């Protein structure tokens, strides 16, 4: 199953299944996404701090579930890697997502999401994450945008 390709004006959701971001890091990513002609919808959870994580397990799981369930979201960018996604994956409900598939994008810690999506036969994108957008090569950002 290949989610629909994004068009100008589509909404890209950002949440954090592992580590948190700062205001500056998320603002930088939003500028990139909006510069591509998309709308960014950042879950406030990305700024929460529970030790190294962006909130306790339930908070991170609920943020991803919201992004997965919202029909207006066309793609989900996971804010950054680290550790923590494996702790929330078993509690996710994929039923709404499978009715309205969207791109799940990132690497590192979210490899567990890519593996689950592959098991569900849904394409996903292994790519740079919002936290690293300022350090990405132009080619890496162009590939993600494409």
N, C-alpha and C. Protein backbone atom coordinates (compact mmCIF):
# COMPACT_ATOMS: atom_id res chain seq x y z
N UNK A 1 0.86 -1.17 0.00
CA UNK A 1 0.00 0.00 0.00
C UNK A 1 0.90 1.23 0.00
N UNK A 2 0.71 2.07 -0.97
CA UNK A 2 1.50 3.29 -1.06
C UNK A 2 0.59 4.48 -0.72
N UNK A 3 0.92 5.21 0.36
CA UNK A 3 0.11 6.38 0.70
C UNK A 3 0.12 7.40 -0.45
N UNK A 4 -0.89 8.25 -0.52
CA UNK A 4 -0.91 9.27 -1.57
C UNK A 4 0.29 10.21 -1.46
N UNK A 5 0.82 10.61 -2.60
CA UNK A 5 1.90 11.58 -2.60
C UNK A 5 1.35 12.94 -2.19
N UNK A 6 2.18 13.72 -1.54
CA UNK A 6 1.75 15.02 -1.03
C UNK A 6 1.62 16.04 -2.15
N UNK A 7 0.67 16.94 -1.96
CA UNK A 7 0.48 18.07 -2.86
C UNK A 7 0.61 19.35 -2.05
N UNK A 8 0.90 20.42 -2.74
CA UNK A 8 1.02 21.73 -2.11
C UNK A 8 -0.20 21.97 -1.22
N UNK A 9 0.04 22.43 0.01
CA UNK A 9 -1.05 22.70 0.94
C UNK A 9 -1.37 21.54 1.87
N UNK A 10 -0.85 20.34 1.59
CA UNK A 10 -1.09 19.20 2.47
C UNK A 10 -0.46 19.43 3.84
N UNK A 11 -0.95 18.70 4.83
CA UNK A 11 -0.49 18.86 6.21
C UNK A 11 0.52 17.77 6.56
N UNK A 12 1.66 18.21 7.08
CA UNK A 12 2.70 17.30 7.57
C UNK A 12 2.69 17.42 9.09
N UNK A 13 2.40 16.31 9.75
CA UNK A 13 2.40 16.29 11.20
C UNK A 13 3.77 15.94 11.74
N UNK A 14 4.12 16.54 12.86
CA UNK A 14 5.39 16.24 13.53
C UNK A 14 5.09 15.85 14.97
N UNK A 15 5.60 14.69 15.38
CA UNK A 15 5.51 14.27 16.76
C UNK A 15 6.82 13.59 17.13
N UNK A 16 7.01 13.31 18.40
CA UNK A 16 8.26 12.72 18.87
C UNK A 16 7.95 11.42 19.60
N UNK A 17 8.44 10.32 19.04
CA UNK A 17 8.23 9.02 19.67
C UNK A 17 9.39 8.63 20.56
N UNK A 18 10.44 9.43 20.53
CA UNK A 18 11.62 9.16 21.36
C UNK A 18 12.01 10.46 22.08
N UNK A 19 13.07 11.09 21.62
CA UNK A 19 13.59 12.28 22.31
C UNK A 19 12.83 13.55 21.94
N UNK A 20 12.96 14.57 22.77
CA UNK A 20 12.26 15.85 22.61
C UNK A 20 13.10 16.83 21.78
N UNK A 21 12.46 17.88 21.34
CA UNK A 21 13.10 18.97 20.60
C UNK A 21 12.94 20.27 21.38
N UNK A 22 13.78 21.23 21.03
CA UNK A 22 13.64 22.59 21.56
C UNK A 22 12.74 23.40 20.63
N UNK A 23 12.28 24.54 21.11
CA UNK A 23 11.49 25.45 20.26
C UNK A 23 12.26 25.80 18.99
N UNK A 24 13.54 26.11 19.14
CA UNK A 24 14.36 26.51 17.99
C UNK A 24 14.47 25.40 16.96
N UNK A 25 14.64 24.16 17.44
CA UNK A 25 14.76 23.03 16.51
C UNK A 25 13.46 22.81 15.75
N UNK A 26 12.34 22.90 16.42
CA UNK A 26 11.07 22.67 15.75
C UNK A 26 10.74 23.82 14.81
N UNK A 27 11.06 25.05 15.20
CA UNK A 27 10.80 26.20 14.32
C UNK A 27 11.60 26.09 13.03
N UNK A 28 12.83 25.63 13.13
CA UNK A 28 13.67 25.45 11.95
C UNK A 28 13.04 24.43 11.00
N UNK A 29 12.55 23.32 11.54
CA UNK A 29 11.92 22.29 10.71
C UNK A 29 10.63 22.81 10.08
N UNK A 30 9.85 23.57 10.83
CA UNK A 30 8.60 24.12 10.31
C UNK A 30 8.89 25.05 9.12
N UNK A 31 9.94 25.85 9.23
CA UNK A 31 10.31 26.74 8.11
C UNK A 31 10.62 25.94 6.85
N UNK A 32 11.33 24.85 7.00
CA UNK A 32 11.65 24.00 5.84
C UNK A 32 10.37 23.43 5.23
N UNK A 33 9.54 22.84 6.06
CA UNK A 33 8.31 22.21 5.57
C UNK A 33 7.40 23.23 4.90
N UNK A 34 7.21 24.38 5.53
CA UNK A 34 6.35 25.41 4.94
C UNK A 34 6.98 26.00 3.70
N UNK A 35 8.32 26.05 3.64
CA UNK A 35 9.00 26.50 2.43
C UNK A 35 8.76 25.58 1.24
N UNK A 36 8.44 24.34 1.51
CA UNK A 36 8.11 23.39 0.45
C UNK A 36 6.66 23.51 -0.01
N UNK A 37 5.89 24.36 0.66
CA UNK A 37 4.49 24.54 0.28
C UNK A 37 3.51 23.68 1.05
N UNK A 38 3.98 23.02 2.11
CA UNK A 38 3.10 22.22 2.96
C UNK A 38 2.76 23.00 4.22
N UNK A 39 1.78 22.52 4.95
CA UNK A 39 1.44 23.09 6.25
C UNK A 39 1.99 22.15 7.32
N UNK A 40 2.64 22.71 8.31
CA UNK A 40 3.19 21.91 9.40
C UNK A 40 2.23 21.94 10.59
N UNK A 41 2.00 20.79 11.17
CA UNK A 41 1.18 20.67 12.36
C UNK A 41 2.02 19.95 13.41
N UNK A 42 2.52 20.69 14.35
CA UNK A 42 3.42 20.15 15.37
C UNK A 42 2.61 19.81 16.62
N UNK A 43 2.70 18.57 17.03
CA UNK A 43 2.04 18.18 18.28
C UNK A 43 2.83 18.81 19.42
N UNK A 44 2.19 19.49 20.35
CA UNK A 44 2.90 20.14 21.45
C UNK A 44 3.74 19.16 22.27
N UNK A 45 3.46 17.89 22.15
CA UNK A 45 4.16 16.86 22.88
C UNK A 45 5.66 16.85 22.56
N UNK A 46 6.07 17.34 21.38
CA UNK A 46 7.49 17.29 21.01
C UNK A 46 8.37 18.08 21.99
N UNK A 47 7.78 19.01 22.70
CA UNK A 47 8.54 19.85 23.63
C UNK A 47 8.53 19.31 25.06
N UNK A 48 7.72 18.31 25.32
CA UNK A 48 7.67 17.75 26.68
C UNK A 48 8.99 17.06 27.01
N UNK A 49 9.35 17.07 28.28
CA UNK A 49 10.61 16.46 28.69
C UNK A 49 10.38 15.52 29.87
N UNK A 50 10.70 14.28 29.63
CA UNK A 50 10.69 13.26 30.69
C UNK A 50 12.03 12.55 30.56
N UNK A 51 12.99 13.03 31.34
CA UNK A 51 14.38 12.61 31.18
C UNK A 51 14.79 12.90 29.73
N UNK A 52 15.30 11.92 29.00
CA UNK A 52 15.69 12.18 27.61
C UNK A 52 14.51 12.10 26.64
N UNK A 53 13.37 11.63 27.10
CA UNK A 53 12.22 11.38 26.23
C UNK A 53 11.27 12.58 26.14
N UNK A 54 10.50 12.59 25.08
CA UNK A 54 9.50 13.64 24.85
C UNK A 54 8.19 13.26 25.53
N UNK A 55 8.26 13.10 26.84
CA UNK A 55 7.09 12.70 27.62
C UNK A 55 7.16 11.22 27.98
N UNK A 56 6.34 10.85 28.92
CA UNK A 56 6.25 9.45 29.32
C UNK A 56 5.71 8.61 28.16
N UNK A 57 5.82 7.31 28.27
CA UNK A 57 5.41 6.41 27.18
C UNK A 57 4.00 6.70 26.70
N UNK A 58 3.06 6.84 27.60
CA UNK A 58 1.67 7.08 27.20
C UNK A 58 1.52 8.38 26.43
N UNK A 59 2.25 9.40 26.82
CA UNK A 59 2.18 10.71 26.14
C UNK A 59 2.71 10.59 24.72
N UNK A 60 3.81 9.91 24.53
CA UNK A 60 4.39 9.74 23.19
C UNK A 60 3.50 8.87 22.31
N UNK A 61 2.96 7.81 22.88
CA UNK A 61 2.06 6.93 22.14
C UNK A 61 0.80 7.68 21.71
N UNK A 62 0.21 8.44 22.61
CA UNK A 62 -1.00 9.21 22.29
C UNK A 62 -0.73 10.24 21.20
N UNK A 63 0.43 10.87 21.22
CA UNK A 63 0.76 11.87 20.18
C UNK A 63 0.85 11.21 18.82
N UNK A 64 1.55 10.07 18.74
CA UNK A 64 1.64 9.37 17.46
C UNK A 64 0.27 8.86 17.03
N UNK A 65 -0.51 8.35 17.95
CA UNK A 65 -1.84 7.85 17.61
C UNK A 65 -2.71 8.97 17.05
N UNK A 66 -2.63 10.16 17.65
CA UNK A 66 -3.39 11.31 17.13
C UNK A 66 -3.00 11.59 15.68
N UNK A 67 -1.72 11.61 15.40
CA UNK A 67 -1.25 11.87 14.03
C UNK A 67 -1.73 10.77 13.08
N UNK A 68 -1.66 9.53 13.54
CA UNK A 68 -2.09 8.41 12.70
C UNK A 68 -3.58 8.46 12.39
N UNK A 69 -4.38 8.92 13.34
CA UNK A 69 -5.83 8.89 13.20
C UNK A 69 -6.41 10.11 12.48
N UNK A 70 -5.68 11.20 12.46
CA UNK A 70 -6.23 12.43 11.86
C UNK A 70 -6.22 12.34 10.33
N UNK A 71 -7.39 12.42 9.74
CA UNK A 71 -7.49 12.25 8.28
C UNK A 71 -6.86 13.39 7.50
N UNK A 72 -6.73 14.57 8.10
CA UNK A 72 -6.16 15.71 7.36
C UNK A 72 -4.62 15.66 7.30
N UNK A 73 -4.00 14.78 8.06
CA UNK A 73 -2.54 14.63 8.04
C UNK A 73 -2.16 13.74 6.86
N UNK A 74 -1.25 14.20 6.01
CA UNK A 74 -0.81 13.43 4.85
C UNK A 74 0.50 12.70 5.08
N UNK A 75 1.30 13.20 6.01
CA UNK A 75 2.58 12.57 6.33
C UNK A 75 2.90 12.85 7.79
N UNK A 76 3.63 11.93 8.41
CA UNK A 76 4.06 12.09 9.79
C UNK A 76 5.58 12.06 9.81
N UNK A 77 6.16 13.17 10.23
CA UNK A 77 7.61 13.21 10.44
C UNK A 77 7.86 12.98 11.92
N UNK A 78 8.69 12.02 12.21
CA UNK A 78 9.07 11.80 13.60
C UNK A 78 10.22 12.76 13.88
N UNK A 79 10.10 13.52 14.94
CA UNK A 79 10.99 14.66 15.20
C UNK A 79 12.46 14.31 15.31
N UNK A 80 12.77 13.20 15.99
CA UNK A 80 14.16 12.80 16.15
C UNK A 80 14.23 11.38 16.66
N UNK A 81 15.39 10.82 16.62
CA UNK A 81 15.60 9.46 17.09
C UNK A 81 15.95 9.43 18.56
N UNK A 82 16.76 8.45 18.92
CA UNK A 82 17.14 8.26 20.31
C UNK A 82 16.73 6.88 20.74
N UNK A 83 15.84 6.82 21.71
CA UNK A 83 15.31 5.56 22.19
C UNK A 83 13.91 5.83 22.73
N UNK A 84 13.00 4.93 22.50
CA UNK A 84 11.68 5.08 23.09
C UNK A 84 10.55 4.56 22.24
N UNK A 85 10.71 4.52 20.92
CA UNK A 85 9.61 4.09 20.06
C UNK A 85 9.24 2.64 20.32
N UNK A 86 10.23 1.81 20.56
CA UNK A 86 9.96 0.39 20.82
C UNK A 86 9.08 0.21 22.07
N UNK A 87 9.11 1.19 22.97
CA UNK A 87 8.31 1.10 24.20
C UNK A 87 6.84 1.44 23.98
N UNK A 88 6.50 2.02 22.83
CA UNK A 88 5.11 2.44 22.60
C UNK A 88 4.42 1.70 21.47
N UNK A 89 5.16 1.00 20.64
CA UNK A 89 4.58 0.43 19.42
C UNK A 89 3.46 -0.57 19.69
N UNK A 90 3.59 -1.37 20.72
CA UNK A 90 2.58 -2.40 20.98
C UNK A 90 1.22 -1.82 21.37
N UNK A 91 1.19 -0.58 21.81
CA UNK A 91 -0.07 0.03 22.21
C UNK A 91 -0.77 0.80 21.11
N UNK A 92 -0.22 0.80 19.91
CA UNK A 92 -0.82 1.57 18.81
C UNK A 92 -1.96 0.80 18.15
N UNK A 93 -2.99 1.54 17.74
CA UNK A 93 -4.12 0.98 16.99
C UNK A 93 -3.95 1.42 15.54
N UNK A 94 -3.67 0.49 14.67
CA UNK A 94 -3.39 0.79 13.27
C UNK A 94 -4.65 0.82 12.40
N UNK A 95 -5.82 0.54 12.93
CA UNK A 95 -7.02 0.40 12.11
C UNK A 95 -7.38 1.67 11.34
N UNK A 96 -7.39 2.83 12.01
CA UNK A 96 -7.69 4.08 11.31
C UNK A 96 -6.62 4.45 10.31
N UNK A 97 -5.37 4.22 10.67
CA UNK A 97 -4.24 4.49 9.77
C UNK A 97 -4.37 3.66 8.49
N UNK A 98 -4.74 2.41 8.62
CA UNK A 98 -4.85 1.55 7.44
C UNK A 98 -6.00 1.96 6.53
N UNK A 99 -7.03 2.59 7.10
CA UNK A 99 -8.12 3.13 6.27
C UNK A 99 -7.69 4.42 5.58
N UNK A 100 -6.76 5.15 6.18
CA UNK A 100 -6.28 6.43 5.66
C UNK A 100 -4.75 6.47 5.80
N UNK A 101 -4.05 5.67 4.96
CA UNK A 101 -2.59 5.60 5.12
C UNK A 101 -1.91 6.92 4.79
N UNK A 102 -0.82 7.14 5.48
CA UNK A 102 -0.03 8.35 5.26
C UNK A 102 1.43 7.96 5.38
N UNK A 103 2.30 8.80 4.89
CA UNK A 103 3.73 8.53 4.97
C UNK A 103 4.22 8.70 6.40
N UNK A 104 4.97 7.74 6.89
CA UNK A 104 5.67 7.84 8.16
C UNK A 104 7.15 7.96 7.81
N UNK A 105 7.78 9.02 8.31
CA UNK A 105 9.12 9.38 7.84
C UNK A 105 10.11 9.54 8.99
N UNK A 106 11.31 9.03 8.79
CA UNK A 106 12.38 9.19 9.76
C UNK A 106 13.34 8.01 9.70
N UNK A 107 14.23 7.95 10.65
CA UNK A 107 15.19 6.84 10.72
C UNK A 107 15.58 6.63 12.18
N UNK A 108 16.61 5.87 12.41
CA UNK A 108 17.14 5.64 13.75
C UNK A 108 16.13 4.87 14.58
N UNK A 109 15.72 5.43 15.67
CA UNK A 109 14.85 4.76 16.62
C UNK A 109 13.53 4.32 15.99
N UNK A 110 13.07 4.97 14.95
CA UNK A 110 11.76 4.60 14.40
C UNK A 110 11.84 3.45 13.41
N UNK A 111 12.98 2.82 13.32
CA UNK A 111 13.08 1.62 12.49
C UNK A 111 12.02 0.61 12.88
N UNK A 112 11.65 0.57 14.14
CA UNK A 112 10.59 -0.34 14.60
C UNK A 112 9.26 0.02 13.93
N UNK A 113 9.01 1.30 13.67
CA UNK A 113 7.79 1.70 12.93
C UNK A 113 7.88 1.26 11.48
N UNK A 114 9.06 1.44 10.87
CA UNK A 114 9.23 0.98 9.48
C UNK A 114 8.99 -0.53 9.38
N UNK A 115 9.50 -1.28 10.36
CA UNK A 115 9.33 -2.73 10.35
C UNK A 115 7.84 -3.10 10.48
N UNK A 116 7.13 -2.44 11.37
CA UNK A 116 5.70 -2.72 11.54
C UNK A 116 4.92 -2.33 10.28
N UNK A 117 5.27 -1.20 9.69
CA UNK A 117 4.59 -0.79 8.45
C UNK A 117 4.87 -1.78 7.33
N UNK A 118 6.09 -2.29 7.24
CA UNK A 118 6.41 -3.31 6.24
C UNK A 118 5.58 -4.58 6.48
N UNK A 119 5.42 -4.95 7.75
CA UNK A 119 4.61 -6.11 8.09
C UNK A 119 3.16 -5.90 7.67
N UNK A 120 2.69 -4.64 7.78
CA UNK A 120 1.33 -4.29 7.38
C UNK A 120 1.23 -3.99 5.89
N UNK A 121 2.35 -4.09 5.19
CA UNK A 121 2.43 -3.86 3.74
C UNK A 121 2.13 -2.41 3.35
N UNK A 122 2.63 -1.47 4.17
CA UNK A 122 2.47 -0.04 3.91
C UNK A 122 3.86 0.58 3.72
N UNK A 123 4.03 1.33 2.65
CA UNK A 123 5.31 1.98 2.37
C UNK A 123 5.56 3.09 3.39
N UNK A 124 6.83 3.29 3.70
CA UNK A 124 7.24 4.38 4.59
C UNK A 124 8.55 4.94 4.05
N UNK A 125 9.03 6.03 4.65
CA UNK A 125 10.22 6.71 4.13
C UNK A 125 11.30 6.77 5.20
N UNK A 126 12.44 6.17 4.89
CA UNK A 126 13.64 6.24 5.74
C UNK A 126 14.38 7.50 5.30
N UNK A 127 14.42 8.52 6.18
CA UNK A 127 14.93 9.82 5.75
C UNK A 127 15.41 10.65 6.94
N UNK A 128 15.96 11.80 6.62
CA UNK A 128 16.38 12.76 7.63
C UNK A 128 15.18 13.17 8.49
N UNK A 129 15.48 13.53 9.73
CA UNK A 129 14.43 13.90 10.67
C UNK A 129 14.51 15.40 10.96
N UNK A 130 13.41 16.01 11.38
CA UNK A 130 13.38 17.45 11.62
C UNK A 130 14.53 18.00 12.47
N UNK A 131 14.96 17.26 13.50
CA UNK A 131 16.04 17.76 14.35
C UNK A 131 17.32 18.00 13.55
N UNK A 132 17.51 17.25 12.47
CA UNK A 132 18.75 17.38 11.70
C UNK A 132 18.61 18.19 10.43
N UNK A 133 17.44 18.75 10.15
CA UNK A 133 17.26 19.53 8.92
C UNK A 133 18.34 20.60 8.73
N UNK A 134 18.74 21.36 9.77
CA UNK A 134 19.76 22.39 9.55
C UNK A 134 21.11 21.84 9.10
N UNK A 135 21.39 20.59 9.41
CA UNK A 135 22.67 19.98 9.07
C UNK A 135 22.61 19.10 7.83
N UNK A 136 21.45 18.95 7.25
CA UNK A 136 21.29 18.08 6.08
C UNK A 136 21.91 18.70 4.84
N UNK A 137 22.33 17.84 3.95
CA UNK A 137 22.78 18.33 2.64
C UNK A 137 21.55 18.76 1.85
N UNK A 138 21.72 19.65 0.90
CA UNK A 138 20.58 20.02 0.06
C UNK A 138 19.97 18.80 -0.64
N UNK A 139 20.82 17.82 -0.99
CA UNK A 139 20.33 16.62 -1.67
C UNK A 139 19.43 15.80 -0.75
N UNK A 140 19.80 15.70 0.53
CA UNK A 140 18.98 14.92 1.47
C UNK A 140 17.60 15.56 1.63
N UNK A 141 17.56 16.88 1.76
CA UNK A 141 16.26 17.56 1.90
C UNK A 141 15.46 17.47 0.60
N UNK A 142 16.13 17.58 -0.54
CA UNK A 142 15.44 17.48 -1.82
C UNK A 142 14.84 16.08 -2.00
N UNK A 143 15.58 15.06 -1.57
CA UNK A 143 15.06 13.69 -1.68
C UNK A 143 13.84 13.49 -0.79
N UNK A 144 13.87 14.03 0.42
CA UNK A 144 12.71 13.93 1.30
C UNK A 144 11.52 14.65 0.68
N UNK A 145 11.74 15.84 0.20
CA UNK A 145 10.66 16.62 -0.40
C UNK A 145 10.05 15.86 -1.59
N UNK A 146 10.92 15.28 -2.41
CA UNK A 146 10.44 14.54 -3.59
C UNK A 146 9.60 13.34 -3.17
